[in-house]
Amino acid sequence: MTDAARQALIERQGKGARYDAPGAPAADLLKARRLTAQMARLLNDTTDAALYRAGQPSLAWRIGLLSLEARRMGEAIAAHRAGQGVPSLVPDPAEVDFAAHLPPRALRHLFDHARIHLNVEWREMSDADWAARMVPGGGPPVALADLPRLRAEALAAVSAAFLAA
């Protein structure tokens, strides 16, 4: 899309629409969003029984982890932008176990809600945010521009597990 076409689209959609900052890692965001859409299709096409089929870890556990990682990533971005302490990007194992035992419909809703929340946080980021680094939960520093790539890698791994199941 050309700059003129992008500007025309922004003007047509008005002030309420959200867009990625010009300095955002567009290629990584596109990859993460496409893999998220693929994962959503795989999740919705998987039978309820298959989600909970015996295996270590189960597909439900993988979706729970993937969803909670997205939630944590969104929370960390929001905390960073607000100048607050940044929580860990790694979900608590008890939360993951709880999510893995949710009913199938609730598990699918968790994935969808986490997808939307993370996408909103990405769209709220400015060029300065994308250029920043944060220290989540006292761990090693993470460049915010690396988050879409990290998300895409996690999505690709879980998608492969779904395709193999």
C-alpha atoms as a PDB file:
ATOM      1  CA  MET A   1       0.000   0.000   0.000  1.00  0.00           C
ATOM      2  CA  THR A   2       1.409   3.388  -0.929  1.00  0.00           C
ATOM      3  CA  ASP A   3       1.693   6.196   1.603  1.00  0.00           C
ATOM      4  CA  ALA A   4      -1.058   8.130  -0.197  1.00  0.00           C
ATOM      5  CA  ALA A   5      -3.395   5.117  -0.172  1.00  0.00           C
ATOM      6  CA  ARG A   6      -2.661   4.501   3.518  1.00  0.00           C
ATOM      7  CA  GLN A   7      -3.381   8.128   4.366  1.00  0.00           C
ATOM      8  CA  ALA A   8      -6.642   8.043   2.390  1.00  0.00           C
ATOM      9  CA  LEU A   9      -7.707   4.893   4.260  1.00  0.00           C
ATOM     10  CA  ILE A  10      -6.925   6.486   7.614  1.00  0.00           C
ATOM     11  CA  GLU A  11      -8.962   9.562   6.723  1.00  0.00           C
ATOM     12  CA  ARG A  12     -11.940   7.454   5.574  1.00  0.00           C
ATOM     13  CA  GLN A  13     -11.960   5.331   8.729  1.00  0.00           C
ATOM     14  CA  GLY A  14     -11.745   8.271  11.123  1.00  0.00           C
ATOM     15  CA  LYS A  15     -10.151   8.904  14.497  1.00  0.00           C
ATOM     16  CA  GLY A  16     -11.434   5.735  16.202  1.00  0.00           C
ATOM     17  CA  ALA A  17      -9.523   3.334  13.967  1.00  0.00           C
ATOM     18  CA  ARG A  18      -6.166   2.009  15.167  1.00  0.00           C
ATOM     19  CA  TYR A  19      -3.072   1.564  13.061  1.00  0.00           C
ATOM     20  CA  ASP A  20       0.460   0.351  13.609  1.00  0.00           C
ATOM     21  CA  ALA A  21       3.040   3.064  14.143  1.00  0.00           C
ATOM     22  CA  PRO A  22       5.208   3.782  11.097  1.00  0.00           C
ATOM     23  CA  GLY A  23       8.256   2.484  13.013  1.00  0.00           C
ATOM     24  CA  ALA A  24       6.607  -0.806  13.974  1.00  0.00           C
ATOM     25  CA  PRO A  25       8.240  -4.043  12.717  1.00  0.00           C
ATOM     26  CA  ALA A  26       5.648  -4.470   9.947  1.00  0.00           C
ATOM     27  CA  ALA A  27       6.957  -7.760   8.539  1.00  0.00           C
ATOM     28  CA  ASP A  28       7.070  -9.435  11.969  1.00  0.00           C
ATOM     29  CA  LEU A  29       3.626  -8.094  12.874  1.00  0.00           C
ATOM     30  CA  LEU A  30       2.196  -9.395   9.613  1.00  0.00           C
ATOM     31  CA  LYS A  31       3.735 -12.819  10.213  1.00  0.00           C
ATOM     32  CA  ALA A  32       2.439 -12.948  13.794  1.00  0.00           C
ATOM     33  CA  ARG A  33      -1.053 -11.895  12.712  1.00  0.00           C
ATOM     34  CA  ARG A  34      -1.148 -14.430   9.884  1.00  0.00           C
ATOM     35  CA  LEU A  35       0.038 -17.229  12.153  1.00  0.00           C
ATOM     36  CA  THR A  36      -2.559 -16.166  14.730  1.00  0.00           C
ATOM     37  CA  ALA A  37      -5.283 -16.452  12.094  1.00  0.00           C
ATOM     38  CA  GLN A  38      -3.952 -19.874  11.056  1.00  0.00           C
ATOM     39  CA  MET A  39      -3.873 -21.009  14.686  1.00  0.00           C
ATOM     40  CA  ALA A  40      -7.446 -19.783  15.215  1.00  0.00           C
ATOM     41  CA  ARG A  41      -8.607 -21.826  12.208  1.00  0.00           C
ATOM     42  CA  LEU A  42      -6.777 -24.908  13.456  1.00  0.00           C
ATOM     43  CA  LEU A  43      -8.224 -24.468  16.936  1.00  0.00           C
ATOM     44  CA  ASN A  44     -11.772 -24.008  15.672  1.00  0.00           C
ATOM     45  CA  ASP A  45     -11.465 -26.991  13.299  1.00  0.00           C
ATOM     46  CA  THR A  46     -10.183 -29.296  16.059  1.00  0.00           C
ATOM     47  CA  THR A  47     -12.801 -31.418  17.782  1.00  0.00           C
ATOM     48  CA  ASP A  48     -13.366 -30.922  21.477  1.00  0.00           C
ATOM     49  CA  ALA A  49     -12.223 -34.487  22.171  1.00  0.00           C
ATOM     50  CA  ALA A  50      -8.983 -33.975  20.240  1.00  0.00           C
ATOM     51  CA  LEU A  51      -8.115 -30.938  22.367  1.00  0.00           C
ATOM     52  CA  TYR A  52      -8.042 -33.097  25.480  1.00  0.00           C
ATOM     53  CA  ARG A  53      -6.679 -36.313  23.981  1.00  0.00           C
ATOM     54  CA  ALA A  54      -3.971 -37.877  26.090  1.00  0.00           C
ATOM     55  CA  GLY A  55      -0.543 -36.682  25.216  1.00  0.00           C
ATOM     56  CA  GLN A  56       2.108 -34.598  26.834  1.00  0.00           C
ATOM     57  CA  PRO A  57       1.338 -31.821  26.573  1.00  0.00           C
ATOM     58  CA  SER A  58      -2.266 -31.901  25.344  1.00  0.00           C
ATOM     59  CA  LEU A  59      -3.426 -29.529  22.629  1.00  0.00           C
ATOM     60  CA  ALA A  60      -5.610 -27.786  25.250  1.00  0.00           C
ATOM     61  CA  TRP A  61      -2.519 -27.217  27.409  1.00  0.00           C
ATOM     62  CA  ARG A  62      -0.645 -25.763  24.425  1.00  0.00           C
ATOM     63  CA  ILE A  63      -3.546 -23.410  23.636  1.00  0.00           C
ATOM     64  CA  GLY A  64      -3.774 -22.384  27.281  1.00  0.00           C
ATOM     65  CA  LEU A  65      -0.067 -21.566  27.340  1.00  0.00           C
ATOM     66  CA  LEU A  66      -0.192 -19.743  24.004  1.00  0.00           C
ATOM     67  CA  SER A  67      -3.195 -17.690  25.123  1.00  0.00           C
ATOM     68  CA  LEU A  68      -1.729 -16.773  28.491  1.00  0.00           C
ATOM     69  CA  GLU A  69       1.591 -15.833  26.864  1.00  0.00           C
ATOM     70  CA  ALA A  70      -0.293 -13.407  24.602  1.00  0.00           C
ATOM     71  CA  ARG A  71      -2.122 -11.992  27.622  1.00  0.00           C
ATOM     72  CA  ARG A  72       1.146 -11.561  29.517  1.00  0.00           C
ATOM     73  CA  MET A  73       2.766  -9.919  26.499  1.00  0.00           C
ATOM     74  CA  GLY A  74      -0.125  -7.460  26.232  1.00  0.00           C
ATOM     75  CA  GLU A  75      -0.009  -6.715  29.967  1.00  0.00           C
ATOM     76  CA  ALA A  76       3.759  -6.158  29.803  1.00  0.00           C
ATOM     77  CA  ILE A  77       3.402  -3.733  26.889  1.00  0.00           C
ATOM     78  CA  ALA A  78       0.667  -1.806  28.709  1.00  0.00           C
ATOM     79  CA  ALA A  79       2.718  -1.647  31.915  1.00  0.00           C
ATOM     80  CA  HIS A  80       5.785  -0.476  30.006  1.00  0.00           C
ATOM     81  CA  ARG A  81       3.818   2.263  28.245  1.00  0.00           C
ATOM     82  CA  ALA A  82       2.342   3.370  31.589  1.00  0.00           C
ATOM     83  CA  GLY A  83       5.792   3.490  33.204  1.00  0.00           C
ATOM     84  CA  GLN A  84       4.880   0.786  35.695  1.00  0.00           C
ATOM     85  CA  GLY A  85       6.763  -2.344  36.684  1.00  0.00           C
ATOM     86  CA  VAL A  86       6.680  -4.829  33.819  1.00  0.00           C
ATOM     87  CA  PRO A  87       5.369  -8.299  34.745  1.00  0.00           C
ATOM     88  CA  SER A  88       7.009 -11.490  33.587  1.00  0.00           C
ATOM     89  CA  LEU A  89       6.203 -12.690  30.088  1.00  0.00           C
ATOM     90  CA  VAL A  90       6.027 -16.270  31.374  1.00  0.00           C
ATOM     91  CA  PRO A  91       2.618 -17.350  32.703  1.00  0.00           C
ATOM     92  CA  ASP A  92       2.347 -19.059  36.048  1.00  0.00           C
ATOM     93  CA  PRO A  93       2.262 -22.870  35.596  1.00  0.00           C
ATOM     94  CA  ALA A  94      -0.879 -23.112  37.759  1.00  0.00           C
ATOM     95  CA  GLU A  95      -2.654 -20.654  35.428  1.00  0.00           C
ATOM     96  CA  VAL A  96      -1.655 -22.743  32.420  1.00  0.00           C
ATOM     97  CA  ASP A  97      -2.899 -25.929  34.072  1.00  0.00           C
ATOM     98  CA  PHE A  98      -6.185 -24.205  34.932  1.00  0.00           C
ATOM     99  CA  ALA A  99      -6.585 -22.942  31.342  1.00  0.00           C
ATOM    100  CA  ALA A 100      -5.810 -26.419  29.990  1.00  0.00           C
ATOM    101  CA  HIS A 101      -8.841 -27.761  31.847  1.00  0.00           C
ATOM    102  CA  LEU A 102     -11.321 -25.113  30.731  1.00  0.00           C
ATOM    103  CA  PRO A 103     -14.300 -26.298  28.711  1.00  0.00           C
ATOM    104  CA  PRO A 104     -13.557 -26.234  24.963  1.00  0.00           C
ATOM    105  CA  ARG A 105     -15.672 -23.166  24.264  1.00  0.00           C
ATOM    106  CA  ALA A 106     -14.015 -21.228  27.083  1.00  0.00           C
ATOM    107  CA  LEU A 107     -10.574 -22.249  25.855  1.00  0.00           C
ATOM    108  CA  ARG A 108     -11.405 -20.984  22.356  1.00  0.00           C
ATOM    109  CA  HIS A 109     -12.704 -17.708  23.835  1.00  0.00           C
ATOM    110  CA  LEU A 110      -9.526 -17.328  25.893  1.00  0.00           C
ATOM    111  CA  PHE A 111      -7.432 -17.651  22.743  1.00  0.00           C
ATOM    112  CA  ASP A 112      -9.598 -15.140  20.876  1.00  0.00           C
ATOM    113  CA  HIS A 113      -9.620 -12.609  23.720  1.00  0.00           C
ATOM    114  CA  ALA A 114      -5.843 -12.824  24.139  1.00  0.00           C
ATOM    115  CA  ARG A 115      -5.418 -12.346  20.371  1.00  0.00           C
ATOM    116  CA  ILE A 116      -7.514  -9.181  20.393  1.00  0.00           C
ATOM    117  CA  HIS A 117      -5.880  -7.766  23.525  1.00  0.00           C
ATOM    118  CA  LEU A 118      -2.353  -8.223  22.186  1.00  0.00           C
ATOM    119  CA  ASN A 119      -3.253  -6.738  18.809  1.00  0.00           C
ATOM    120  CA  VAL A 120      -4.765  -3.665  20.497  1.00  0.00           C
ATOM    121  CA  GLU A 121      -1.616  -3.189  22.578  1.00  0.00           C
ATOM    122  CA  TRP A 122       0.564  -3.449  19.461  1.00  0.00           C
ATOM    123  CA  ARG A 123      -1.563  -0.844  17.699  1.00  0.00           C
ATOM    124  CA  GLU A 124      -1.311   1.508  20.687  1.00  0.00           C
ATOM    125  CA  MET A 125       2.494   1.498  20.562  1.00  0.00           C
ATOM    126  CA  SER A 126       4.313   4.556  19.257  1.00  0.00           C
ATOM    127  CA  ASP A 127       7.591   4.610  17.353  1.00  0.00           C
ATOM    128  CA  ALA A 128       9.343   5.369  20.655  1.00  0.00           C
ATOM    129  CA  ASP A 129       7.699   2.330  22.270  1.00  0.00           C
ATOM    130  CA  TRP A 130       8.824   0.065  19.441  1.00  0.00           C
ATOM    131  CA  ALA A 131      12.403   1.346  19.853  1.00  0.00           C
ATOM    132  CA  ALA A 132      12.392   0.763  23.630  1.00  0.00           C
ATOM    133  CA  ARG A 133      13.554  -2.144  25.751  1.00  0.00           C
ATOM    134  CA  MET A 134      11.803  -3.478  28.834  1.00  0.00           C
ATOM    135  CA  VAL A 135      12.830  -5.736  31.693  1.00  0.00           C
ATOM    136  CA  PRO A 136       9.922  -8.133  32.269  1.00  0.00           C
ATOM    137  CA  GLY A 137       9.617  -9.600  35.742  1.00  0.00           C
ATOM    138  CA  GLY A 138      13.257  -8.968  36.591  1.00  0.00           C
ATOM    139  CA  GLY A 139      14.390 -11.149  33.690  1.00  0.00           C
ATOM    140  CA  PRO A 140      16.695 -10.172  30.868  1.00  0.00           C
ATOM    141  CA  PRO A 141      15.915  -7.020  28.862  1.00  0.00           C
ATOM    142  CA  VAL A 142      13.674  -7.509  25.820  1.00  0.00           C
ATOM    143  CA  ALA A 143      13.381  -5.161  22.862  1.00  0.00           C
ATOM    144  CA  LEU A 144       9.710  -4.405  22.266  1.00  0.00           C
ATOM    145  CA  ALA A 145      10.381  -4.668  18.528  1.00  0.00           C
ATOM    146  CA  ASP A 146      11.278  -8.347  19.099  1.00  0.00           C
ATOM    147  CA  LEU A 147       7.877  -9.231  20.588  1.00  0.00           C
ATOM    148  CA  PRO A 148       6.045  -9.883  17.289  1.00  0.00           C
ATOM    149  CA  ARG A 149       8.845 -12.203  16.157  1.00  0.00           C
ATOM    150  CA  LEU A 150       8.781 -14.056  19.481  1.00  0.00           C
ATOM    151  CA  ARG A 151       5.004 -14.365  19.214  1.00  0.00           C
ATOM    152  CA  ALA A 152       5.258 -15.699  15.651  1.00  0.00           C
ATOM    153  CA  GLU A 153       7.785 -18.329  16.773  1.00  0.00           C
ATOM    154  CA  ALA A 154       5.479 -19.518  19.571  1.00  0.00           C
ATOM    155  CA  LEU A 155       2.506 -19.644  17.190  1.00  0.00           C
ATOM    156  CA  ALA A 156       4.483 -21.593  14.594  1.00  0.00           C
ATOM    157  CA  ALA A 157       5.507 -24.196  17.179  1.00  0.00           C
ATOM    158  CA  VAL A 158       1.951 -24.764  18.409  1.00  0.00           C
ATOM    159  CA  SER A 159       0.582 -24.791  14.847  1.00  0.00           C
ATOM    160  CA  ALA A 160       3.052 -27.546  14.018  1.00  0.00           C
ATOM    161  CA  ALA A 161       1.874 -29.559  17.028  1.00  0.00           C
ATOM    162  CA  PHE A 162      -1.745 -29.171  15.896  1.00  0.00           C
ATOM    163  CA  LEU A 163      -0.923 -30.257  12.370  1.00  0.00           C
ATOM    164  CA  ALA A 164       0.974 -33.278  13.685  1.00  0.00           C
ATOM    165  CA  ALA A 165      -1.908 -34.338  15.979  1.00  0.00           C
END
